[in-house]
C-alpha cells in the first residue's frame, strides 16, 4: 500500500471510529427511550489471499456464518447460523439445494500422507446436520450427514447413504450407496429403506424452503420488524366470546401467517407436483 493508500485507510478508520463514538453518545443521551439497532460487524463473506468465494445469488448465508476463500456454492443451497466454510489451503465446492446446518465446520487439506490433493466436495441436495465437521472429504448427491458427525480426510460418502449422528468416519473410508454407518469409528449398520431415501430428498427440499423464509426475515428493515412486533402483540391474545358479543372479526394479517411451503404436508405436495 502506497503513501496515498495508507493515508486514505487511516482517514477511513478515523471516520468509522468517530461515527461509532457518536452513536454511543447519542444512545446515552436518549436514555431509556433509545432504540439500539443491532448491526452485525461480522464479515460473512471474506476473501483470503487472492481467493474469493463464488456464491450463487439465491444462496442463503446466515449473518453469523462465515464463508472464506476458495468456496463455490450452487443455487438454492443454504449455510446456516454459526457455520464456517474455510477454503484457504484448498477449495470447497457445494452443489445446489444443499444445506449446511448451524455450527457446522467445513475445511480442507493441502495434501495427505499419500500426497493426494484434498479439497472438500459436497454434492447437490445434501443435508449436513448441526455441528458436523467435514474435513477434506467428498459427499455425493442426496447423502445425509447426521448432527455432530465428523468426517476426516479422504472420506467418500456415496449417493443415498447416511452417516449417523455423532459418528466419526476415519480417514479414507468409503461409505457405499444405500448404507447407514454409525459409531466411533463408524461402521456399517444396515441398508437404508426406501422411506429413508425419500426422507433425505425431502429434507433438502424443506431446507430450501426454510432458507427462503430466513433470507426474507434477515432482509427486513427496522420499520418492518417493529410493525410485525406490534401486530404480533395485538393478535397474541384474543377473547373470541368478547369479540362475538361486539360483532368484531379479527383477521390475522398476512405478515404473520407462516408460508405454506415450509409446512411439511404442503412441502410434500410441492414435491409431488
C-alpha atoms as a PDB file:
ATOM      1  CA  UNK A   1       0.000   0.000   0.000  1.00  0.00           C
ATOM      2  CA  UNK A   2       1.465   3.354  -1.063  1.00  0.00           C
ATOM      3  CA  UNK A   3       1.554   6.583   0.921  1.00  0.00           C
ATOM      4  CA  UNK A   4      -1.770   7.819  -0.511  1.00  0.00           C
ATOM      5  CA  UNK A   5      -3.485   4.480   0.109  1.00  0.00           C
ATOM      6  CA  UNK A   6      -2.212   4.401   3.692  1.00  0.00           C
ATOM      7  CA  UNK A   7      -3.465   7.952   4.290  1.00  0.00           C
ATOM      8  CA  UNK A   8      -6.934   7.137   2.896  1.00  0.00           C
ATOM      9  CA  UNK A   9      -7.137   3.975   5.025  1.00  0.00           C
ATOM     10  CA  UNK A  10      -6.162   5.949   8.150  1.00  0.00           C
ATOM     11  CA  UNK A  11      -8.779   8.649   7.475  1.00  0.00           C
ATOM     12  CA  UNK A  12     -11.433   5.985   6.882  1.00  0.00           C
ATOM     13  CA  UNK A  13     -10.554   4.269  10.156  1.00  0.00           C
ATOM     14  CA  UNK A  14     -10.757   7.617  11.992  1.00  0.00           C
ATOM     15  CA  UNK A  15     -14.172   8.440  10.484  1.00  0.00           C
ATOM     16  CA  UNK A  16     -15.554   4.999  11.409  1.00  0.00           C
ATOM     17  CA  UNK A  17     -14.291   5.336  14.973  1.00  0.00           C
ATOM     18  CA  UNK A  18     -15.807   8.809  15.273  1.00  0.00           C
ATOM     19  CA  UNK A  19     -19.156   7.523  13.967  1.00  0.00           C
ATOM     20  CA  UNK A  20     -19.223   4.688  16.494  1.00  0.00           C
ATOM     21  CA  UNK A  21     -18.388   7.105  19.318  1.00  0.00           C
ATOM     22  CA  UNK A  22     -21.180   9.480  18.243  1.00  0.00           C
ATOM     23  CA  UNK A  23     -23.658   6.596  18.101  1.00  0.00           C
ATOM     24  CA  UNK A  24     -22.769   5.567  21.668  1.00  0.00           C
ATOM     25  CA  UNK A  25     -23.096   9.187  22.846  1.00  0.00           C
ATOM     26  CA  UNK A  26     -26.474   9.584  21.153  1.00  0.00           C
ATOM     27  CA  UNK A  27     -27.760   6.361  22.726  1.00  0.00           C
ATOM     28  CA  UNK A  28     -26.636   7.563  26.160  1.00  0.00           C
ATOM     29  CA  UNK A  29     -28.465  10.889  25.731  1.00  0.00           C
ATOM     30  CA  UNK A  30     -31.669   9.102  24.685  1.00  0.00           C
ATOM     31  CA  UNK A  31     -31.588   7.081  27.886  1.00  0.00           C
ATOM     32  CA  UNK A  32     -34.443   4.630  28.337  1.00  0.00           C
ATOM     33  CA  UNK A  33     -36.119   5.835  25.121  1.00  0.00           C
ATOM     34  CA  UNK A  34     -33.266   4.772  22.861  1.00  0.00           C
ATOM     35  CA  UNK A  35     -33.699   2.119  20.215  1.00  0.00           C
ATOM     36  CA  UNK A  36     -30.443   0.320  19.503  1.00  0.00           C
ATOM     37  CA  UNK A  37     -30.228  -1.183  16.039  1.00  0.00           C
ATOM     38  CA  UNK A  38     -28.354  -4.470  16.169  1.00  0.00           C
ATOM     39  CA  UNK A  39     -25.983  -4.117  13.222  1.00  0.00           C
ATOM     40  CA  UNK A  40     -23.560  -7.017  12.902  1.00  0.00           C
ATOM     41  CA  UNK A  41     -19.941  -6.109  12.109  1.00  0.00           C
ATOM     42  CA  UNK A  42     -19.170  -9.736  11.379  1.00  0.00           C
ATOM     43  CA  UNK A  43     -17.705 -10.414   7.910  1.00  0.00           C
ATOM     44  CA  UNK A  44     -19.920 -13.133   6.482  1.00  0.00           C
ATOM     45  CA  UNK A  45     -18.162 -13.456   3.116  1.00  0.00           C
ATOM     46  CA  UNK A  46     -14.404 -12.925   3.058  1.00  0.00           C
ATOM     47  CA  UNK A  47     -11.559 -13.216   0.556  1.00  0.00           C
ATOM     48  CA  UNK A  48      -8.240 -14.677   1.619  1.00  0.00           C
ATOM     49  CA  UNK A  49      -5.074 -14.148  -0.389  1.00  0.00           C
ATOM     50  CA  UNK A  50      -6.341 -13.961  -3.991  1.00  0.00           C
ATOM     51  CA  UNK A  51      -9.125 -16.475  -3.308  1.00  0.00           C
ATOM     52  CA  UNK A  52     -12.696 -15.193  -3.489  1.00  0.00           C
ATOM     53  CA  UNK A  53     -15.955 -17.042  -2.667  1.00  0.00           C
ATOM     54  CA  UNK A  54     -18.275 -17.680  -5.622  1.00  0.00           C
ATOM     55  CA  UNK A  55     -21.820 -17.834  -4.315  1.00  0.00           C
ATOM     56  CA  UNK A  56     -24.992 -18.053  -6.398  1.00  0.00           C
ATOM     57  CA  UNK A  57     -27.294 -15.081  -5.883  1.00  0.00           C
ATOM     58  CA  UNK A  58     -30.123 -17.134  -4.331  1.00  0.00           C
ATOM     59  CA  UNK A  59     -27.947 -18.881  -1.713  1.00  0.00           C
ATOM     60  CA  UNK A  60     -28.874 -18.087   1.899  1.00  0.00           C
ATOM     61  CA  UNK A  61     -25.797 -17.386   4.010  1.00  0.00           C
ATOM     62  CA  UNK A  62     -26.822 -16.612   7.602  1.00  0.00           C
ATOM     63  CA  UNK A  63     -25.433 -13.365   9.078  1.00  0.00           C
ATOM     64  CA  UNK A  64     -23.361 -15.210  11.686  1.00  0.00           C
ATOM     65  CA  UNK A  65     -21.920 -17.754   9.235  1.00  0.00           C
ATOM     66  CA  UNK A  66     -18.508 -17.319   7.594  1.00  0.00           C
ATOM     67  CA  UNK A  67     -17.608 -18.260   4.012  1.00  0.00           C
ATOM     68  CA  UNK A  68     -13.889 -17.700   3.457  1.00  0.00           C
ATOM     69  CA  UNK A  69     -11.653 -18.058   0.429  1.00  0.00           C
ATOM     70  CA  UNK A  70     -11.951 -20.559  -2.428  1.00  0.00           C
ATOM     71  CA  UNK A  71     -15.550 -21.636  -1.851  1.00  0.00           C
ATOM     72  CA  UNK A  72     -18.166 -22.236  -4.551  1.00  0.00           C
ATOM     73  CA  UNK A  73     -21.848 -22.660  -3.610  1.00  0.00           C
ATOM     74  CA  UNK A  74     -24.584 -23.571  -6.092  1.00  0.00           C
ATOM     75  CA  UNK A  75     -28.114 -22.201  -6.335  1.00  0.00           C
ATOM     76  CA  UNK A  76     -30.686 -22.961  -3.644  1.00  0.00           C
ATOM     77  CA  UNK A  77     -28.113 -24.031  -1.057  1.00  0.00           C
ATOM     78  CA  UNK A  78     -28.043 -22.630   2.470  1.00  0.00           C
ATOM     79  CA  UNK A  79     -25.315 -22.003   5.032  1.00  0.00           C
ATOM     80  CA  UNK A  80     -26.861 -21.682   8.485  1.00  0.00           C
ATOM     81  CA  UNK A  81     -26.064 -19.715  11.634  1.00  0.00           C
ATOM     82  CA  UNK A  82     -22.615 -20.122  13.110  1.00  0.00           C
ATOM     83  CA  UNK A  83     -21.272 -22.331  10.321  1.00  0.00           C
ATOM     84  CA  UNK A  84     -17.763 -21.821   8.944  1.00  0.00           C
ATOM     85  CA  UNK A  85     -16.577 -22.757   5.453  1.00  0.00           C
ATOM     86  CA  UNK A  86     -12.832 -22.096   5.178  1.00  0.00           C
ATOM     87  CA  UNK A  87     -11.261 -22.601   1.763  1.00  0.00           C
ATOM     88  CA  UNK A  88      -7.745 -21.352   2.378  1.00  0.00           C
ATOM     89  CA  UNK A  89      -5.175 -24.052   1.541  1.00  0.00           C
ATOM     90  CA  UNK A  90      -7.577 -25.820  -0.829  1.00  0.00           C
ATOM     91  CA  UNK A  91     -11.070 -25.440  -2.287  1.00  0.00           C
ATOM     92  CA  UNK A  92     -14.626 -26.190  -1.171  1.00  0.00           C
ATOM     93  CA  UNK A  93     -17.319 -26.946  -3.736  1.00  0.00           C
ATOM     94  CA  UNK A  94     -21.009 -27.250  -2.784  1.00  0.00           C
ATOM     95  CA  UNK A  95     -23.699 -28.140  -5.315  1.00  0.00           C
ATOM     96  CA  UNK A  96     -27.299 -26.917  -5.498  1.00  0.00           C
ATOM     97  CA  UNK A  97     -30.037 -27.392  -2.895  1.00  0.00           C
ATOM     98  CA  UNK A  98     -27.604 -28.455  -0.155  1.00  0.00           C
ATOM     99  CA  UNK A  99     -27.954 -27.304   3.458  1.00  0.00           C
ATOM    100  CA  UNK A 100     -25.040 -26.901   5.878  1.00  0.00           C
ATOM    101  CA  UNK A 101     -26.788 -26.556   9.213  1.00  0.00           C
ATOM    102  CA  UNK A 102     -25.955 -24.449  12.259  1.00  0.00           C
ATOM    103  CA  UNK A 103     -22.446 -24.504  13.800  1.00  0.00           C
ATOM    104  CA  UNK A 104     -21.018 -26.876  11.210  1.00  0.00           C
ATOM    105  CA  UNK A 105     -17.384 -26.649  10.091  1.00  0.00           C
ATOM    106  CA  UNK A 106     -16.175 -27.358   6.565  1.00  0.00           C
ATOM    107  CA  UNK A 107     -12.423 -27.247   5.943  1.00  0.00           C
ATOM    108  CA  UNK A 108      -9.846 -28.687   3.546  1.00  0.00           C
ATOM    109  CA  UNK A 109      -6.328 -30.125   3.447  1.00  0.00           C
ATOM    110  CA  UNK A 110      -3.393 -29.148   1.265  1.00  0.00           C
ATOM    111  CA  UNK A 111      -2.432 -32.803   0.921  1.00  0.00           C
ATOM    112  CA  UNK A 112      -2.251 -36.019   2.920  1.00  0.00           C
ATOM    113  CA  UNK A 113       0.438 -38.661   3.588  1.00  0.00           C
ATOM    114  CA  UNK A 114      -0.094 -40.197   0.157  1.00  0.00           C
ATOM    115  CA  UNK A 115       0.339 -36.787  -1.473  1.00  0.00           C
ATOM    116  CA  UNK A 116      -3.244 -36.506  -2.725  1.00  0.00           C
ATOM    117  CA  UNK A 117      -4.847 -33.092  -3.137  1.00  0.00           C
ATOM    118  CA  UNK A 118      -7.785 -32.967  -0.753  1.00  0.00           C
ATOM    119  CA  UNK A 119     -10.455 -30.336  -1.350  1.00  0.00           C
ATOM    120  CA  UNK A 120     -13.911 -30.755   0.159  1.00  0.00           C
ATOM    121  CA  UNK A 121     -16.613 -31.596  -2.369  1.00  0.00           C
ATOM    122  CA  UNK A 122     -20.278 -31.675  -1.360  1.00  0.00           C
ATOM    123  CA  UNK A 123     -22.857 -32.580  -3.978  1.00  0.00           C
ATOM    124  CA  UNK A 124     -26.421 -31.407  -4.557  1.00  0.00           C
ATOM    125  CA  UNK A 125     -29.411 -31.900  -2.221  1.00  0.00           C
ATOM    126  CA  UNK A 126     -27.143 -32.978   0.622  1.00  0.00           C
ATOM    127  CA  UNK A 127     -28.181 -32.464   4.241  1.00  0.00           C
ATOM    128  CA  UNK A 128     -25.403 -31.787   6.762  1.00  0.00           C
ATOM    129  CA  UNK A 129     -26.765 -31.756  10.322  1.00  0.00           C
ATOM    130  CA  UNK A 130     -25.972 -29.270  13.077  1.00  0.00           C
ATOM    131  CA  UNK A 131     -22.391 -29.131  14.389  1.00  0.00           C
ATOM    132  CA  UNK A 132     -20.971 -31.569  11.852  1.00  0.00           C
ATOM    133  CA  UNK A 133     -17.264 -31.390  10.949  1.00  0.00           C
ATOM    134  CA  UNK A 134     -16.304 -32.096   7.331  1.00  0.00           C
ATOM    135  CA  UNK A 135     -12.576 -32.107   6.618  1.00  0.00           C
ATOM    136  CA  UNK A 136     -11.156 -32.694   3.140  1.00  0.00           C
ATOM    137  CA  UNK A 137     -13.844 -35.222   2.231  1.00  0.00           C
ATOM    138  CA  UNK A 138     -16.337 -35.913  -0.554  1.00  0.00           C
ATOM    139  CA  UNK A 139     -20.090 -36.202  -0.075  1.00  0.00           C
ATOM    140  CA  UNK A 140     -22.069 -37.193  -3.145  1.00  0.00           C
ATOM    141  CA  UNK A 141     -25.564 -36.050  -4.164  1.00  0.00           C
ATOM    142  CA  UNK A 142     -28.512 -36.712  -1.838  1.00  0.00           C
ATOM    143  CA  UNK A 143     -26.433 -38.075   1.034  1.00  0.00           C
ATOM    144  CA  UNK A 144     -27.144 -37.319   4.697  1.00  0.00           C
ATOM    145  CA  UNK A 145     -24.653 -36.457   7.460  1.00  0.00           C
ATOM    146  CA  UNK A 146     -26.162 -36.517  10.947  1.00  0.00           C
ATOM    147  CA  UNK A 147     -25.756 -33.959  13.717  1.00  0.00           C
ATOM    148  CA  UNK A 148     -22.320 -33.816  15.323  1.00  0.00           C
ATOM    149  CA  UNK A 149     -20.760 -36.288  12.881  1.00  0.00           C
ATOM    150  CA  UNK A 150     -17.070 -35.923  11.936  1.00  0.00           C
ATOM    151  CA  UNK A 151     -15.724 -36.919   8.517  1.00  0.00           C
ATOM    152  CA  UNK A 152     -11.934 -36.991   8.213  1.00  0.00           C
ATOM    153  CA  UNK A 153      -9.566 -36.589   5.264  1.00  0.00           C
ATOM    154  CA  UNK A 154     -10.266 -38.678   2.194  1.00  0.00           C
ATOM    155  CA  UNK A 155     -13.704 -39.937   3.300  1.00  0.00           C
ATOM    156  CA  UNK A 156     -16.203 -40.545   0.488  1.00  0.00           C
ATOM    157  CA  UNK A 157     -19.919 -40.722   1.290  1.00  0.00           C
ATOM    158  CA  UNK A 158     -21.684 -42.087  -1.769  1.00  0.00           C
ATOM    159  CA  UNK A 159     -25.086 -41.067  -3.074  1.00  0.00           C
ATOM    160  CA  UNK A 160     -28.133 -42.067  -0.978  1.00  0.00           C
ATOM    161  CA  UNK A 161     -26.063 -43.036   2.057  1.00  0.00           C
ATOM    162  CA  UNK A 162     -26.260 -41.824   5.654  1.00  0.00           C
ATOM    163  CA  UNK A 163     -23.775 -41.110   8.446  1.00  0.00           C
ATOM    164  CA  UNK A 164     -25.433 -41.330  11.863  1.00  0.00           C
ATOM    165  CA  UNK A 165     -25.410 -38.502  14.398  1.00  0.00           C
ATOM    166  CA  UNK A 166     -22.214 -38.258  16.451  1.00  0.00           C
ATOM    167  CA  UNK A 167     -20.305 -40.722  14.283  1.00  0.00           C
ATOM    168  CA  UNK A 168     -16.591 -40.483  13.496  1.00  0.00           C
ATOM    169  CA  UNK A 169     -15.666 -41.628   9.990  1.00  0.00           C
ATOM    170  CA  UNK A 170     -11.948 -42.465   9.777  1.00  0.00           C
ATOM    171  CA  UNK A 171      -9.602 -41.285   7.048  1.00  0.00           C
ATOM    172  CA  UNK A 172     -10.051 -42.687   3.524  1.00  0.00           C
ATOM    173  CA  UNK A 173     -13.237 -44.581   4.431  1.00  0.00           C
ATOM    174  CA  UNK A 174     -15.756 -45.071   1.620  1.00  0.00           C
ATOM    175  CA  UNK A 175     -19.415 -45.423   2.595  1.00  0.00           C
ATOM    176  CA  UNK A 176     -21.249 -47.257  -0.218  1.00  0.00           C
ATOM    177  CA  UNK A 177     -24.530 -46.027  -1.650  1.00  0.00           C
ATOM    178  CA  UNK A 178     -27.645 -47.053   0.247  1.00  0.00           C
ATOM    179  CA  UNK A 179     -25.911 -47.803   3.580  1.00  0.00           C
ATOM    180  CA  UNK A 180     -26.175 -46.383   7.111  1.00  0.00           C
ATOM    181  CA  UNK A 181     -22.911 -46.088   9.078  1.00  0.00           C
ATOM    182  CA  UNK A 182     -22.756 -45.208  12.775  1.00  0.00           C
ATOM    183  CA  UNK A 183     -20.363 -45.222  15.733  1.00  0.00           C
ATOM    184  CA  UNK A 184     -16.820 -44.219  16.662  1.00  0.00           C
ATOM    185  CA  UNK A 185     -15.206 -45.330  14.481  1.00  0.00           C
ATOM    186  CA  UNK A 186     -18.198 -45.512  12.133  1.00  0.00           C
ATOM    187  CA  UNK A 187     -19.105 -48.959  10.819  1.00  0.00           C
ATOM    188  CA  UNK A 188     -21.813 -50.402   8.599  1.00  0.00           C
ATOM    189  CA  UNK A 189     -25.138 -50.734  10.440  1.00  0.00           C
ATOM    190  CA  UNK A 190     -27.718 -51.628   7.807  1.00  0.00           C
ATOM    191  CA  UNK A 191     -29.190 -50.719   4.446  1.00  0.00           C
ATOM    192  CA  UNK A 192     -31.308 -47.598   4.020  1.00  0.00           C
ATOM    193  CA  UNK A 193     -35.025 -48.139   3.462  1.00  0.00           C
ATOM    194  CA  UNK A 194     -36.905 -46.571   0.565  1.00  0.00           C
ATOM    195  CA  UNK A 195     -38.655 -44.289   3.067  1.00  0.00           C
ATOM    196  CA  UNK A 196     -35.315 -43.051   4.420  1.00  0.00           C
ATOM    197  CA  UNK A 197     -34.003 -42.350   0.930  1.00  0.00           C
ATOM    198  CA  UNK A 198     -37.156 -40.343   0.237  1.00  0.00           C
ATOM    199  CA  UNK A 199     -36.664 -38.532   3.567  1.00  0.00           C
ATOM    200  CA  UNK A 200     -33.185 -37.364   2.510  1.00  0.00           C
ATOM    201  CA  UNK A 201     -34.620 -35.755  -0.616  1.00  0.00           C
ATOM    202  CA  UNK A 202     -37.488 -34.231   1.372  1.00  0.00           C
ATOM    203  CA  UNK A 203     -35.095 -32.856   3.981  1.00  0.00           C
ATOM    204  CA  UNK A 204     -33.223 -30.949   1.272  1.00  0.00           C
ATOM    205  CA  UNK A 205     -36.498 -29.553  -0.105  1.00  0.00           C
ATOM    206  CA  UNK A 206     -37.652 -28.474   3.349  1.00  0.00           C
ATOM    207  CA  UNK A 207     -34.405 -26.596   3.940  1.00  0.00           C
ATOM    208  CA  UNK A 208     -34.559 -24.884   0.538  1.00  0.00           C
ATOM    209  CA  UNK A 209     -37.977 -23.516   1.514  1.00  0.00           C
ATOM    210  CA  UNK A 210     -36.979 -22.657   5.074  1.00  0.00           C
ATOM    211  CA  UNK A 211     -33.908 -20.793   3.827  1.00  0.00           C
ATOM    212  CA  UNK A 212     -36.146 -18.562   1.699  1.00  0.00           C
ATOM    213  CA  UNK A 213     -38.107 -17.593   4.808  1.00  0.00           C
ATOM    214  CA  UNK A 214     -34.953 -16.834   6.813  1.00  0.00           C
ATOM    215  CA  UNK A 215     -33.493 -14.832   3.930  1.00  0.00           C
ATOM    216  CA  UNK A 216     -36.663 -12.728   3.778  1.00  0.00           C
ATOM    217  CA  UNK A 217     -36.641 -12.177   7.554  1.00  0.00           C
ATOM    218  CA  UNK A 218     -32.982 -11.130   7.544  1.00  0.00           C
ATOM    219  CA  UNK A 219     -33.665  -8.640   4.737  1.00  0.00           C
ATOM    220  CA  UNK A 220     -36.435  -6.786   6.610  1.00  0.00           C
ATOM    221  CA  UNK A 221     -35.927  -3.181   7.582  1.00  0.00           C
ATOM    222  CA  UNK A 222     -36.123  -1.896  11.151  1.00  0.00           C
ATOM    223  CA  UNK A 223     -39.589  -0.403  10.482  1.00  0.00           C
ATOM    224  CA  UNK A 224     -40.905  -3.700   9.102  1.00  0.00           C
ATOM    225  CA  UNK A 225     -39.637  -5.583  12.143  1.00  0.00           C
ATOM    226  CA  UNK A 226     -41.210  -3.095  14.559  1.00  0.00           C
ATOM    227  CA  UNK A 227     -44.547  -3.235  12.698  1.00  0.00           C
ATOM    228  CA  UNK A 228     -44.626  -7.020  12.895  1.00  0.00           C
ATOM    229  CA  UNK A 229     -43.784  -6.931  16.610  1.00  0.00           C
ATOM    230  CA  UNK A 230     -46.742  -4.607  17.156  1.00  0.00           C
ATOM    231  CA  UNK A 231     -49.054  -6.823  15.110  1.00  0.00           C
ATOM    232  CA  UNK A 232     -47.982  -9.944  16.994  1.00  0.00           C
ATOM    233  CA  UNK A 233     -48.675  -8.206  20.290  1.00  0.00           C
ATOM    234  CA  UNK A 234     -52.079  -7.085  19.052  1.00  0.00           C
ATOM    235  CA  UNK A 235     -53.127 -10.533  17.883  1.00  0.00           C
ATOM    236  CA  UNK A 236     -51.395 -12.569  20.588  1.00  0.00           C
ATOM    237  CA  UNK A 237     -54.410 -12.670  22.941  1.00  0.00           C
ATOM    238  CA  UNK A 238     -57.977 -12.824  21.663  1.00  0.00           C
ATOM    239  CA  UNK A 239     -61.177 -13.354  23.583  1.00  0.00           C
ATOM    240  CA  UNK A 240     -63.478 -14.903  20.988  1.00  0.00           C
ATOM    241  CA  UNK A 241     -66.550 -14.617  23.207  1.00  0.00           C
ATOM    242  CA  UNK A 242     -65.974 -10.889  23.756  1.00  0.00           C
ATOM    243  CA  UNK A 243     -65.386 -10.337  20.051  1.00  0.00           C
ATOM    244  CA  UNK A 244     -68.573 -12.182  19.125  1.00  0.00           C
ATOM    245  CA  UNK A 245     -70.592 -10.033  21.539  1.00  0.00           C
ATOM    246  CA  UNK A 246     -69.312  -6.911  19.752  1.00  0.00           C
ATOM    247  CA  UNK A 247     -69.534  -8.409  16.303  1.00  0.00           C
ATOM    248  CA  UNK A 248     -65.790  -7.958  15.805  1.00  0.00           C
ATOM    249  CA  UNK A 249     -63.989 -10.162  13.285  1.00  0.00           C
ATOM    250  CA  UNK A 250     -60.220 -10.210  13.656  1.00  0.00           C
ATOM    251  CA  UNK A 251     -58.305 -11.432  10.624  1.00  0.00           C
ATOM    252  CA  UNK A 252     -54.670 -12.349  11.080  1.00  0.00           C
ATOM    253  CA  UNK A 253     -52.547 -10.070   8.878  1.00  0.00           C
ATOM    254  CA  UNK A 254     -50.743 -11.860   6.048  1.00  0.00           C
ATOM    255  CA  UNK A 255     -47.395 -10.754   7.533  1.00  0.00           C
ATOM    256  CA  UNK A 256     -47.949 -13.107  10.469  1.00  0.00           C
ATOM    257  CA  UNK A 257     -49.024 -16.176   8.508  1.00  0.00           C
ATOM    258  CA  UNK A 258     -46.356 -18.848   8.183  1.00  0.00           C
ATOM    259  CA  UNK A 259     -45.650 -19.529   4.491  1.00  0.00           C
ATOM    260  CA  UNK A 260     -47.286 -22.732   3.281  1.00  0.00           C
ATOM    261  CA  UNK A 261     -44.165 -24.055   1.602  1.00  0.00           C
ATOM    262  CA  UNK A 262     -42.307 -24.671   4.875  1.00  0.00           C
ATOM    263  CA  UNK A 263     -45.093 -26.758   6.412  1.00  0.00           C
ATOM    264  CA  UNK A 264     -44.310 -30.483   5.997  1.00  0.00           C
ATOM    265  CA  UNK A 265     -47.605 -31.524   4.388  1.00  0.00           C
ATOM    266  CA  UNK A 266     -47.515 -28.667   1.900  1.00  0.00           C
ATOM    267  CA  UNK A 267     -43.862 -29.246   1.055  1.00  0.00           C
ATOM    268  CA  UNK A 268     -44.756 -32.857   0.309  1.00  0.00           C
ATOM    269  CA  UNK A 269     -47.452 -31.691  -2.145  1.00  0.00           C
ATOM    270  CA  UNK A 270     -44.954 -29.377  -3.817  1.00  0.00           C
ATOM    271  CA  UNK A 271     -42.570 -32.280  -4.409  1.00  0.00           C
ATOM    272  CA  UNK A 272     -45.373 -34.434  -5.805  1.00  0.00           C
ATOM    273  CA  UNK A 273     -46.208 -31.751  -8.342  1.00  0.00           C
END
